[in-house]
Amino acid sequence: MAVEELTIVFKHETLDAEFALRAIQAELAERQVPSNGFELYQEPVALVQVWPRLKKAGRKTFNLVGRGYVFQLSSVRNFQFDCLGIKATGERRSTWDKWAARFIGDPNFVMAWLSDTEYEFWQNAEDLLQYTSKGKPHEHLSKKSNGLPPPLEQIIIDISGNPGRRLLRPGYYEVVGSVMWLGEPFWHLTKANKAEVERADWLKVSNPVPTVARVEASAKCFTSEEGDVGELQRNLRAILFPESVMSRQSV
C-alpha cells in the first residue's frame, strides 16, 4: 500500500512538541479519528496523554503511531532546523493542504513538501545492504567510494544524479516534492528567485497565506525518475536551489 508523507520544516527550536501535538489533535478530531489506538515509542497511549508524558520525561521530540498515521518530530541541531513528518496510508492519504494549514501560518515555518515514501527512500539509498536485504538489483546503478580512509572505506550507490535525492543544508532540506509550501525564510536561505518561480508557466503557484507560496508541479506524488517526470523534478530543483545547481556545474 502506498504511503505518502508531508514533511514540515521550521527554524531550529521553534517547532515545539506541545504546539505540534495540539495541531495534530485538532486535525484528527476534525477528521473524527478516535483519540485512542496510538503508541508513543511503542507504548499504548491516548492522544491527550502524549504531551503530559513527554513533559514529564523532558522530551522535546516524539514518535507517535496509530490509526494509519505516523508522526515524527525531530530536531536537526547540526543543520539548525526542526522537522515534523506526517505519514499516512490508504484512505488517510487525502487533503494534505488541511494538514499543512495547521503549520504554515507560523513565521518560523521554512518549507514543507509531499512525497511518496517508497520512491524517496530508494532515491536516497546509498548502502548496498539496503538493496541486497530487499533482493533489489543494483548492478546497473553507478557506484562510488564513500570517501573514508581504510578500513572504513566502502563502495556505495552514487545518488548524486537522482532527481529525488534529499540533502541536508543549513536551515533547510534541498529536496523537491510534487507539492511544496515555501515560507519567507526559504527564499533567503536558498537564494531562489521567488518572482521567477511565480512566473513559471509549468508550475501552479498560489498563496494559501500571504507569506507562503504553494508550488504544485504535479497532482500526484513523484514515483519515477524516468522521462518527463524525472525532467520535471530536475527543473524544479534548478529553479528552487540555484546555488546548488551552480556549484555542481562548476565542479
C-alpha atoms as a PDB file:
ATOM      1  CA  MET A   1       0.000   0.000   0.000  1.00  0.00           C
ATOM      2  CA  ALA A   2       1.355   3.410  -0.952  1.00  0.00           C
ATOM      3  CA  VAL A   3       2.424   5.698   1.869  1.00  0.00           C
ATOM      4  CA  GLU A   4       2.611   9.455   1.449  1.00  0.00           C
ATOM      5  CA  GLU A   5       4.444  11.830   3.762  1.00  0.00           C
ATOM      6  CA  LEU A   6       4.173  15.518   4.439  1.00  0.00           C
ATOM      7  CA  THR A   7       7.446  16.850   5.838  1.00  0.00           C
ATOM      8  CA  ILE A   8       7.355  20.230   7.586  1.00  0.00           C
ATOM      9  CA  VAL A   9      10.486  22.247   8.402  1.00  0.00           C
ATOM     10  CA  PHE A  10      10.738  25.071  10.955  1.00  0.00           C
ATOM     11  CA  LYS A  11      13.625  27.172  12.202  1.00  0.00           C
ATOM     12  CA  HIS A  12      15.625  25.428  14.920  1.00  0.00           C
ATOM     13  CA  GLU A  13      13.951  25.186  18.330  1.00  0.00           C
ATOM     14  CA  THR A  14      10.715  26.811  17.163  1.00  0.00           C
ATOM     15  CA  LEU A  15       8.559  23.750  16.418  1.00  0.00           C
ATOM     16  CA  ASP A  16       7.980  22.550  19.959  1.00  0.00           C
ATOM     17  CA  ALA A  17       6.255  19.300  20.846  1.00  0.00           C
ATOM     18  CA  GLU A  18       3.274  20.905  22.577  1.00  0.00           C
ATOM     19  CA  PHE A  19       2.424  23.093  19.573  1.00  0.00           C
ATOM     20  CA  ALA A  20       2.830  20.176  17.153  1.00  0.00           C
ATOM     21  CA  LEU A  21       0.671  17.858  19.260  1.00  0.00           C
ATOM     22  CA  ARG A  22      -2.091  20.422  19.631  1.00  0.00           C
ATOM     23  CA  ALA A  23      -2.195  20.814  15.852  1.00  0.00           C
ATOM     24  CA  ILE A  24      -2.224  17.038  15.371  1.00  0.00           C
ATOM     25  CA  GLN A  25      -5.014  16.541  17.930  1.00  0.00           C
ATOM     26  CA  ALA A  26      -7.118  19.326  16.407  1.00  0.00           C
ATOM     27  CA  GLU A  27      -6.800  17.955  12.878  1.00  0.00           C
ATOM     28  CA  LEU A  28      -7.503  14.360  13.908  1.00  0.00           C
ATOM     29  CA  ALA A  29     -10.537  15.488  15.914  1.00  0.00           C
ATOM     30  CA  GLU A  30     -11.861  17.340  12.866  1.00  0.00           C
ATOM     31  CA  ARG A  31     -11.387  14.165  10.839  1.00  0.00           C
ATOM     32  CA  GLN A  32     -13.249  12.225  13.555  1.00  0.00           C
ATOM     33  CA  VAL A  33     -10.281   9.956  14.200  1.00  0.00           C
ATOM     34  CA  PRO A  34     -10.593   8.258  17.644  1.00  0.00           C
ATOM     35  CA  SER A  35      -8.092   9.532  20.211  1.00  0.00           C
ATOM     36  CA  ASN A  36      -7.146   6.047  21.394  1.00  0.00           C
ATOM     37  CA  GLY A  37      -5.280   3.355  19.482  1.00  0.00           C
ATOM     38  CA  PHE A  38      -1.917   5.175  19.355  1.00  0.00           C
ATOM     39  CA  GLU A  39       1.570   4.240  20.514  1.00  0.00           C
ATOM     40  CA  LEU A  40       4.251   6.589  21.816  1.00  0.00           C
ATOM     41  CA  TYR A  41       7.604   4.865  21.410  1.00  0.00           C
ATOM     42  CA  GLN A  42       5.710   1.556  21.176  1.00  0.00           C
ATOM     43  CA  GLU A  43       3.799   2.189  24.422  1.00  0.00           C
ATOM     44  CA  PRO A  44      -0.032   2.397  24.149  1.00  0.00           C
ATOM     45  CA  VAL A  45      -1.277   5.930  24.664  1.00  0.00           C
ATOM     46  CA  ALA A  46      -4.318   8.141  24.086  1.00  0.00           C
ATOM     47  CA  LEU A  47      -3.693  11.437  22.325  1.00  0.00           C
ATOM     48  CA  VAL A  48      -4.473  13.502  25.421  1.00  0.00           C
ATOM     49  CA  GLN A  49      -1.769  11.624  27.338  1.00  0.00           C
ATOM     50  CA  VAL A  50       1.055  12.282  24.879  1.00  0.00           C
ATOM     51  CA  TRP A  51       2.107  15.794  25.910  1.00  0.00           C
ATOM     52  CA  PRO A  52       1.966  15.099  29.689  1.00  0.00           C
ATOM     53  CA  ARG A  53       4.177  12.038  29.185  1.00  0.00           C
ATOM     54  CA  LEU A  54       6.677  13.945  27.054  1.00  0.00           C
ATOM     55  CA  LYS A  55       6.768  16.834  29.513  1.00  0.00           C
ATOM     56  CA  LYS A  56       7.316  14.507  32.464  1.00  0.00           C
ATOM     57  CA  ALA A  57      10.168  12.762  30.619  1.00  0.00           C
ATOM     58  CA  GLY A  58      11.692  16.058  29.478  1.00  0.00           C
ATOM     59  CA  ARG A  59      11.400  15.070  25.825  1.00  0.00           C
ATOM     60  CA  LYS A  60      11.290  17.657  23.043  1.00  0.00           C
ATOM     61  CA  THR A  61      10.705  15.180  20.201  1.00  0.00           C
ATOM     62  CA  PHE A  62       8.380  12.235  19.655  1.00  0.00           C
ATOM     63  CA  ASN A  63       7.405   9.262  17.534  1.00  0.00           C
ATOM     64  CA  LEU A  64       3.649   8.698  17.581  1.00  0.00           C
ATOM     65  CA  VAL A  65       1.983   5.902  15.585  1.00  0.00           C
ATOM     66  CA  GLY A  66      -1.631   4.847  15.151  1.00  0.00           C
ATOM     67  CA  ARG A  67      -4.852   4.932  13.150  1.00  0.00           C
ATOM     68  CA  GLY A  68      -2.996   4.828   9.834  1.00  0.00           C
ATOM     69  CA  TYR A  69      -0.645   7.674  10.757  1.00  0.00           C
ATOM     70  CA  VAL A  70       2.971   8.120  11.815  1.00  0.00           C
ATOM     71  CA  PHE A  71       4.015  11.434  13.399  1.00  0.00           C
ATOM     72  CA  GLN A  72       7.744  12.008  13.875  1.00  0.00           C
ATOM     73  CA  LEU A  73       9.075  15.223  15.403  1.00  0.00           C
ATOM     74  CA  SER A  74      12.847  15.658  15.313  1.00  0.00           C
ATOM     75  CA  SER A  75      15.434  18.378  15.768  1.00  0.00           C
ATOM     76  CA  VAL A  76      18.404  18.514  13.394  1.00  0.00           C
ATOM     77  CA  ARG A  77      20.807  20.501  15.525  1.00  0.00           C
ATOM     78  CA  ASN A  78      23.794  20.354  13.153  1.00  0.00           C
ATOM     79  CA  PHE A  79      21.747  21.959  10.384  1.00  0.00           C
ATOM     80  CA  GLN A  80      19.674  24.223  12.612  1.00  0.00           C
ATOM     81  CA  PHE A  81      16.100  23.198  11.869  1.00  0.00           C
ATOM     82  CA  ASP A  82      13.198  21.250  13.334  1.00  0.00           C
ATOM     83  CA  CYS A  83      11.248  18.738  11.296  1.00  0.00           C
ATOM     84  CA  LEU A  84       7.820  17.100  11.573  1.00  0.00           C
ATOM     85  CA  GLY A  85       6.972  14.160   9.333  1.00  0.00           C
ATOM     86  CA  ILE A  86       3.354  13.082   8.899  1.00  0.00           C
ATOM     87  CA  LYS A  87       2.916   9.751   7.128  1.00  0.00           C
ATOM     88  CA  ALA A  88      -0.451   8.411   6.071  1.00  0.00           C
ATOM     89  CA  THR A  89      -1.594   5.242   4.333  1.00  0.00           C
ATOM     90  CA  GLY A  90      -4.683   4.190   2.423  1.00  0.00           C
ATOM     91  CA  GLU A  91      -7.779   6.293   2.995  1.00  0.00           C
ATOM     92  CA  ARG A  92      -5.808   8.647   5.229  1.00  0.00           C
ATOM     93  CA  ARG A  93      -3.904   9.930   2.180  1.00  0.00           C
ATOM     94  CA  SER A  94      -6.032  12.962   1.447  1.00  0.00           C
ATOM     95  CA  THR A  95      -6.405  16.693   1.961  1.00  0.00           C
ATOM     96  CA  TRP A  96      -2.751  17.386   2.721  1.00  0.00           C
ATOM     97  CA  ASP A  97      -3.478  21.089   2.380  1.00  0.00           C
ATOM     98  CA  LYS A  98      -5.530  20.874   5.575  1.00  0.00           C
ATOM     99  CA  TRP A  99      -2.591  19.372   7.427  1.00  0.00           C
ATOM    100  CA  ALA A 100      -0.237  21.993   6.021  1.00  0.00           C
ATOM    101  CA  ALA A 101      -2.616  24.791   7.024  1.00  0.00           C
ATOM    102  CA  ARG A 102      -2.069  23.886  10.685  1.00  0.00           C
ATOM    103  CA  PHE A 103       1.593  24.952  10.432  1.00  0.00           C
ATOM    104  CA  ILE A 104       2.377  27.228   7.502  1.00  0.00           C
ATOM    105  CA  GLY A 105       0.994  30.405   9.059  1.00  0.00           C
ATOM    106  CA  ASP A 106       3.741  30.461  11.680  1.00  0.00           C
ATOM    107  CA  PRO A 107       6.559  32.987  10.955  1.00  0.00           C
ATOM    108  CA  ASN A 108       9.151  30.306  11.767  1.00  0.00           C
ATOM    109  CA  PHE A 109       7.847  27.991   9.037  1.00  0.00           C
ATOM    110  CA  VAL A 110      10.510  27.355   6.375  1.00  0.00           C
ATOM    111  CA  MET A 111       9.175  24.737   3.961  1.00  0.00           C
ATOM    112  CA  ALA A 112       7.106  21.591   3.511  1.00  0.00           C
ATOM    113  CA  TRP A 113       6.797  19.016   0.758  1.00  0.00           C
ATOM    114  CA  LEU A 114       4.742  15.986  -0.176  1.00  0.00           C
ATOM    115  CA  SER A 115       6.398  12.709  -1.154  1.00  0.00           C
ATOM    116  CA  ASP A 116       5.848   9.027  -1.841  1.00  0.00           C
ATOM    117  CA  THR A 117       7.903   7.354   0.895  1.00  0.00           C
ATOM    118  CA  GLU A 118       8.926   4.325  -1.181  1.00  0.00           C
ATOM    119  CA  TYR A 119      10.228   6.462  -4.038  1.00  0.00           C
ATOM    120  CA  GLU A 120      12.024   8.909  -1.757  1.00  0.00           C
ATOM    121  CA  PHE A 121      13.639   6.051   0.184  1.00  0.00           C
ATOM    122  CA  TRP A 122      15.193   4.414  -2.880  1.00  0.00           C
ATOM    123  CA  GLN A 123      16.229   7.734  -4.372  1.00  0.00           C
ATOM    124  CA  ASN A 124      18.323   8.250  -1.232  1.00  0.00           C
ATOM    125  CA  ALA A 125      19.517   4.688  -0.528  1.00  0.00           C
ATOM    126  CA  GLU A 126      23.329   4.566  -0.704  1.00  0.00           C
ATOM    127  CA  ASP A 127      24.168   1.398   1.243  1.00  0.00           C
ATOM    128  CA  LEU A 128      24.402  -1.743  -0.901  1.00  0.00           C
ATOM    129  CA  LEU A 129      22.951  -3.724   2.015  1.00  0.00           C
ATOM    130  CA  GLN A 130      19.697  -1.813   1.607  1.00  0.00           C
ATOM    131  CA  TYR A 131      19.407  -3.387  -1.842  1.00  0.00           C
ATOM    132  CA  THR A 132      20.653  -6.890  -1.045  1.00  0.00           C
ATOM    133  CA  SER A 133      18.440  -7.209   2.041  1.00  0.00           C
ATOM    134  CA  LYS A 134      15.390  -6.486  -0.116  1.00  0.00           C
ATOM    135  CA  GLY A 135      16.572  -8.600  -3.060  1.00  0.00           C
ATOM    136  CA  LYS A 136      16.642  -5.468  -5.186  1.00  0.00           C
ATOM    137  CA  PRO A 137      19.178  -5.410  -8.081  1.00  0.00           C
ATOM    138  CA  HIS A 138      21.809  -2.672  -8.060  1.00  0.00           C
ATOM    139  CA  GLU A 139      24.326  -3.833 -10.670  1.00  0.00           C
ATOM    140  CA  HIS A 140      23.067  -1.224 -13.150  1.00  0.00           C
ATOM    141  CA  LEU A 141      23.486   1.674 -10.713  1.00  0.00           C
ATOM    142  CA  SER A 142      26.509   3.966 -10.544  1.00  0.00           C
ATOM    143  CA  LYS A 143      28.833   3.412  -7.581  1.00  0.00           C
ATOM    144  CA  LYS A 144      31.472   5.469  -5.804  1.00  0.00           C
ATOM    145  CA  SER A 145      33.655   5.405  -2.696  1.00  0.00           C
ATOM    146  CA  ASN A 146      32.219   6.832   0.499  1.00  0.00           C
ATOM    147  CA  GLY A 147      35.426   8.864   0.747  1.00  0.00           C
ATOM    148  CA  LEU A 148      36.529   7.468   4.092  1.00  0.00           C
ATOM    149  CA  PRO A 149      40.068   6.110   4.686  1.00  0.00           C
ATOM    150  CA  PRO A 150      40.671   2.355   5.044  1.00  0.00           C
ATOM    151  CA  PRO A 151      39.339   0.294   6.768  1.00  0.00           C
ATOM    152  CA  LEU A 152      36.211   2.477   6.822  1.00  0.00           C
ATOM    153  CA  GLU A 153      36.057   2.938   3.063  1.00  0.00           C
ATOM    154  CA  GLN A 154      33.087   1.307   1.337  1.00  0.00           C
ATOM    155  CA  ILE A 155      31.574   1.333  -2.105  1.00  0.00           C
ATOM    156  CA  ILE A 156      28.164   2.977  -2.080  1.00  0.00           C
ATOM    157  CA  ILE A 157      25.434   3.847  -4.559  1.00  0.00           C
ATOM    158  CA  ASP A 158      26.055   7.202  -6.232  1.00  0.00           C
ATOM    159  CA  ILE A 159      22.788   9.122  -5.771  1.00  0.00           C
ATOM    160  CA  SER A 160      24.190  12.491  -6.866  1.00  0.00           C
ATOM    161  CA  GLY A 161      22.227  12.373 -10.122  1.00  0.00           C
ATOM    162  CA  ASN A 162      18.926  11.234  -8.604  1.00  0.00           C
ATOM    163  CA  PRO A 163      16.245  13.894  -9.032  1.00  0.00           C
ATOM    164  CA  GLY A 164      14.574  12.717  -5.823  1.00  0.00           C
ATOM    165  CA  ARG A 165      17.699  12.967  -3.659  1.00  0.00           C
ATOM    166  CA  ARG A 166      17.336  14.685  -0.298  1.00  0.00           C
ATOM    167  CA  LEU A 167      20.237  16.777   1.007  1.00  0.00           C
ATOM    168  CA  LEU A 168      20.692  18.462   4.370  1.00  0.00           C
ATOM    169  CA  ARG A 169      21.506  22.169   4.094  1.00  0.00           C
ATOM    170  CA  PRO A 170      21.887  24.846   6.795  1.00  0.00           C
ATOM    171  CA  GLY A 171      18.319  25.633   7.829  1.00  0.00           C
ATOM    172  CA  TYR A 172      16.511  23.550   5.212  1.00  0.00           C
ATOM    173  CA  TYR A 173      16.378  20.442   3.020  1.00  0.00           C
ATOM    174  CA  GLU A 174      17.381  20.530  -0.614  1.00  0.00           C
ATOM    175  CA  VAL A 175      14.574  18.354  -1.951  1.00  0.00           C
ATOM    176  CA  VAL A 176      11.636  18.563  -4.326  1.00  0.00           C
ATOM    177  CA  GLY A 177       8.066  17.341  -3.962  1.00  0.00           C
ATOM    178  CA  SER A 178       5.022  17.202  -6.179  1.00  0.00           C
ATOM    179  CA  VAL A 179       3.518  19.894  -3.942  1.00  0.00           C
ATOM    180  CA  MET A 180       5.622  22.243  -1.821  1.00  0.00           C
ATOM    181  CA  TRP A 181       4.825  25.027   0.624  1.00  0.00           C
ATOM    182  CA  LEU A 182       7.576  27.635   0.895  1.00  0.00           C
ATOM    183  CA  GLY A 183       7.750  30.259   3.648  1.00  0.00           C
ATOM    184  CA  GLU A 184       9.642  33.554   3.588  1.00  0.00           C
ATOM    185  CA  PRO A 185      12.772  32.071   5.258  1.00  0.00           C
ATOM    186  CA  PHE A 186      13.089  29.590   2.373  1.00  0.00           C
ATOM    187  CA  TRP A 187      13.867  32.279  -0.206  1.00  0.00           C
ATOM    188  CA  HIS A 188      16.541  33.857   1.985  1.00  0.00           C
ATOM    189  CA  LEU A 189      18.201  30.515   2.692  1.00  0.00           C
ATOM    190  CA  THR A 190      18.236  29.134  -0.860  1.00  0.00           C
ATOM    191  CA  LYS A 191      18.635  32.433  -2.778  1.00  0.00           C
ATOM    192  CA  ALA A 192      15.882  31.224  -5.123  1.00  0.00           C
ATOM    193  CA  ASN A 193      14.093  33.913  -7.146  1.00  0.00           C
ATOM    194  CA  LYS A 194      10.518  33.947  -5.881  1.00  0.00           C
ATOM    195  CA  ALA A 195       9.266  36.038  -8.802  1.00  0.00           C
ATOM    196  CA  GLU A 196      10.791  33.600 -11.289  1.00  0.00           C
ATOM    197  CA  VAL A 197       9.037  30.686  -9.588  1.00  0.00           C
ATOM    198  CA  GLU A 198       5.722  32.548  -9.640  1.00  0.00           C
ATOM    199  CA  ARG A 199       6.122  33.281 -13.363  1.00  0.00           C
ATOM    200  CA  ALA A 200       6.928  29.685 -14.340  1.00  0.00           C
ATOM    201  CA  ASP A 201       4.031  28.535 -16.541  1.00  0.00           C
ATOM    202  CA  TRP A 202       4.794  24.870 -15.842  1.00  0.00           C
ATOM    203  CA  LEU A 203       4.030  25.320 -12.143  1.00  0.00           C
ATOM    204  CA  LYS A 204       0.817  26.125 -10.304  1.00  0.00           C
ATOM    205  CA  VAL A 205       1.662  28.736  -7.685  1.00  0.00           C
ATOM    206  CA  SER A 206      -0.785  30.114  -5.134  1.00  0.00           C
ATOM    207  CA  ASN A 207      -0.661  31.783  -1.710  1.00  0.00           C
ATOM    208  CA  PRO A 208      -2.691  29.931   0.954  1.00  0.00           C
ATOM    209  CA  VAL A 209      -1.436  32.613   3.351  1.00  0.00           C
ATOM    210  CA  PRO A 210       0.280  35.869   2.278  1.00  0.00           C
ATOM    211  CA  THR A 211       3.755  34.767   3.360  1.00  0.00           C
ATOM    212  CA  VAL A 212       3.660  31.255   1.880  1.00  0.00           C
ATOM    213  CA  ALA A 213       3.862  30.070  -1.725  1.00  0.00           C
ATOM    214  CA  ARG A 214       2.208  26.775  -2.573  1.00  0.00           C
ATOM    215  CA  VAL A 215       4.045  25.316  -5.565  1.00  0.00           C
ATOM    216  CA  GLU A 216       2.413  22.409  -7.373  1.00  0.00           C
ATOM    217  CA  ALA A 217       4.469  20.648 -10.018  1.00  0.00           C
ATOM    218  CA  SER A 218       2.289  17.526 -10.236  1.00  0.00           C
ATOM    219  CA  ALA A 219      -1.123  16.461  -8.988  1.00  0.00           C
ATOM    220  CA  LYS A 220       0.384  13.127  -7.873  1.00  0.00           C
ATOM    221  CA  CYS A 221       3.465  12.324  -5.829  1.00  0.00           C
ATOM    222  CA  PHE A 222       6.628  11.660  -7.799  1.00  0.00           C
ATOM    223  CA  THR A 223       7.219   7.915  -8.146  1.00  0.00           C
ATOM    224  CA  SER A 224       9.723   7.738 -11.004  1.00  0.00           C
ATOM    225  CA  GLU A 225      12.961   9.370 -12.098  1.00  0.00           C
ATOM    226  CA  GLU A 226      12.409   8.473 -15.741  1.00  0.00           C
ATOM    227  CA  GLY A 227      11.186  10.517 -18.723  1.00  0.00           C
ATOM    228  CA  ASP A 228       9.136  13.675 -18.343  1.00  0.00           C
ATOM    229  CA  VAL A 229       8.579  13.097 -14.613  1.00  0.00           C
ATOM    230  CA  GLY A 230      12.320  12.940 -13.972  1.00  0.00           C
ATOM    231  CA  GLU A 231      12.895  16.048 -16.070  1.00  0.00           C
ATOM    232  CA  LEU A 232      10.176  17.868 -14.147  1.00  0.00           C
ATOM    233  CA  GLN A 233      11.945  17.121 -10.865  1.00  0.00           C
ATOM    234  CA  ARG A 234      15.294  18.309 -12.252  1.00  0.00           C
ATOM    235  CA  ASN A 235      13.747  21.549 -13.484  1.00  0.00           C
ATOM    236  CA  LEU A 236      12.128  22.087 -10.092  1.00  0.00           C
ATOM    237  CA  ARG A 237      15.459  21.567  -8.325  1.00  0.00           C
ATOM    238  CA  ALA A 238      17.145  24.024 -10.665  1.00  0.00           C
ATOM    239  CA  ILE A 239      14.652  26.830 -10.027  1.00  0.00           C
ATOM    240  CA  LEU A 240      14.360  26.290  -6.261  1.00  0.00           C
ATOM    241  CA  PHE A 241      18.025  25.629  -5.445  1.00  0.00           C
ATOM    242  CA  PRO A 242      20.035  27.710  -7.946  1.00  0.00           C
ATOM    243  CA  GLU A 243      23.197  27.950  -5.843  1.00  0.00           C
ATOM    244  CA  SER A 244      23.404  24.160  -5.511  1.00  0.00           C
ATOM    245  CA  VAL A 245      22.977  23.733  -9.277  1.00  0.00           C
ATOM    246  CA  MET A 246      25.650  26.331  -9.979  1.00  0.00           C
ATOM    247  CA  SER A 247      28.115  24.683  -7.587  1.00  0.00           C
ATOM    248  CA  ARG A 248      27.570  21.301  -9.301  1.00  0.00           C
ATOM    249  CA  GLN A 249      28.166  22.841 -12.722  1.00  0.00           C
ATOM    250  CA  SER A 250      31.424  24.432 -11.567  1.00  0.00           C
ATOM    251  CA  VAL A 251      32.881  21.126 -10.336  1.00  0.00           C
END
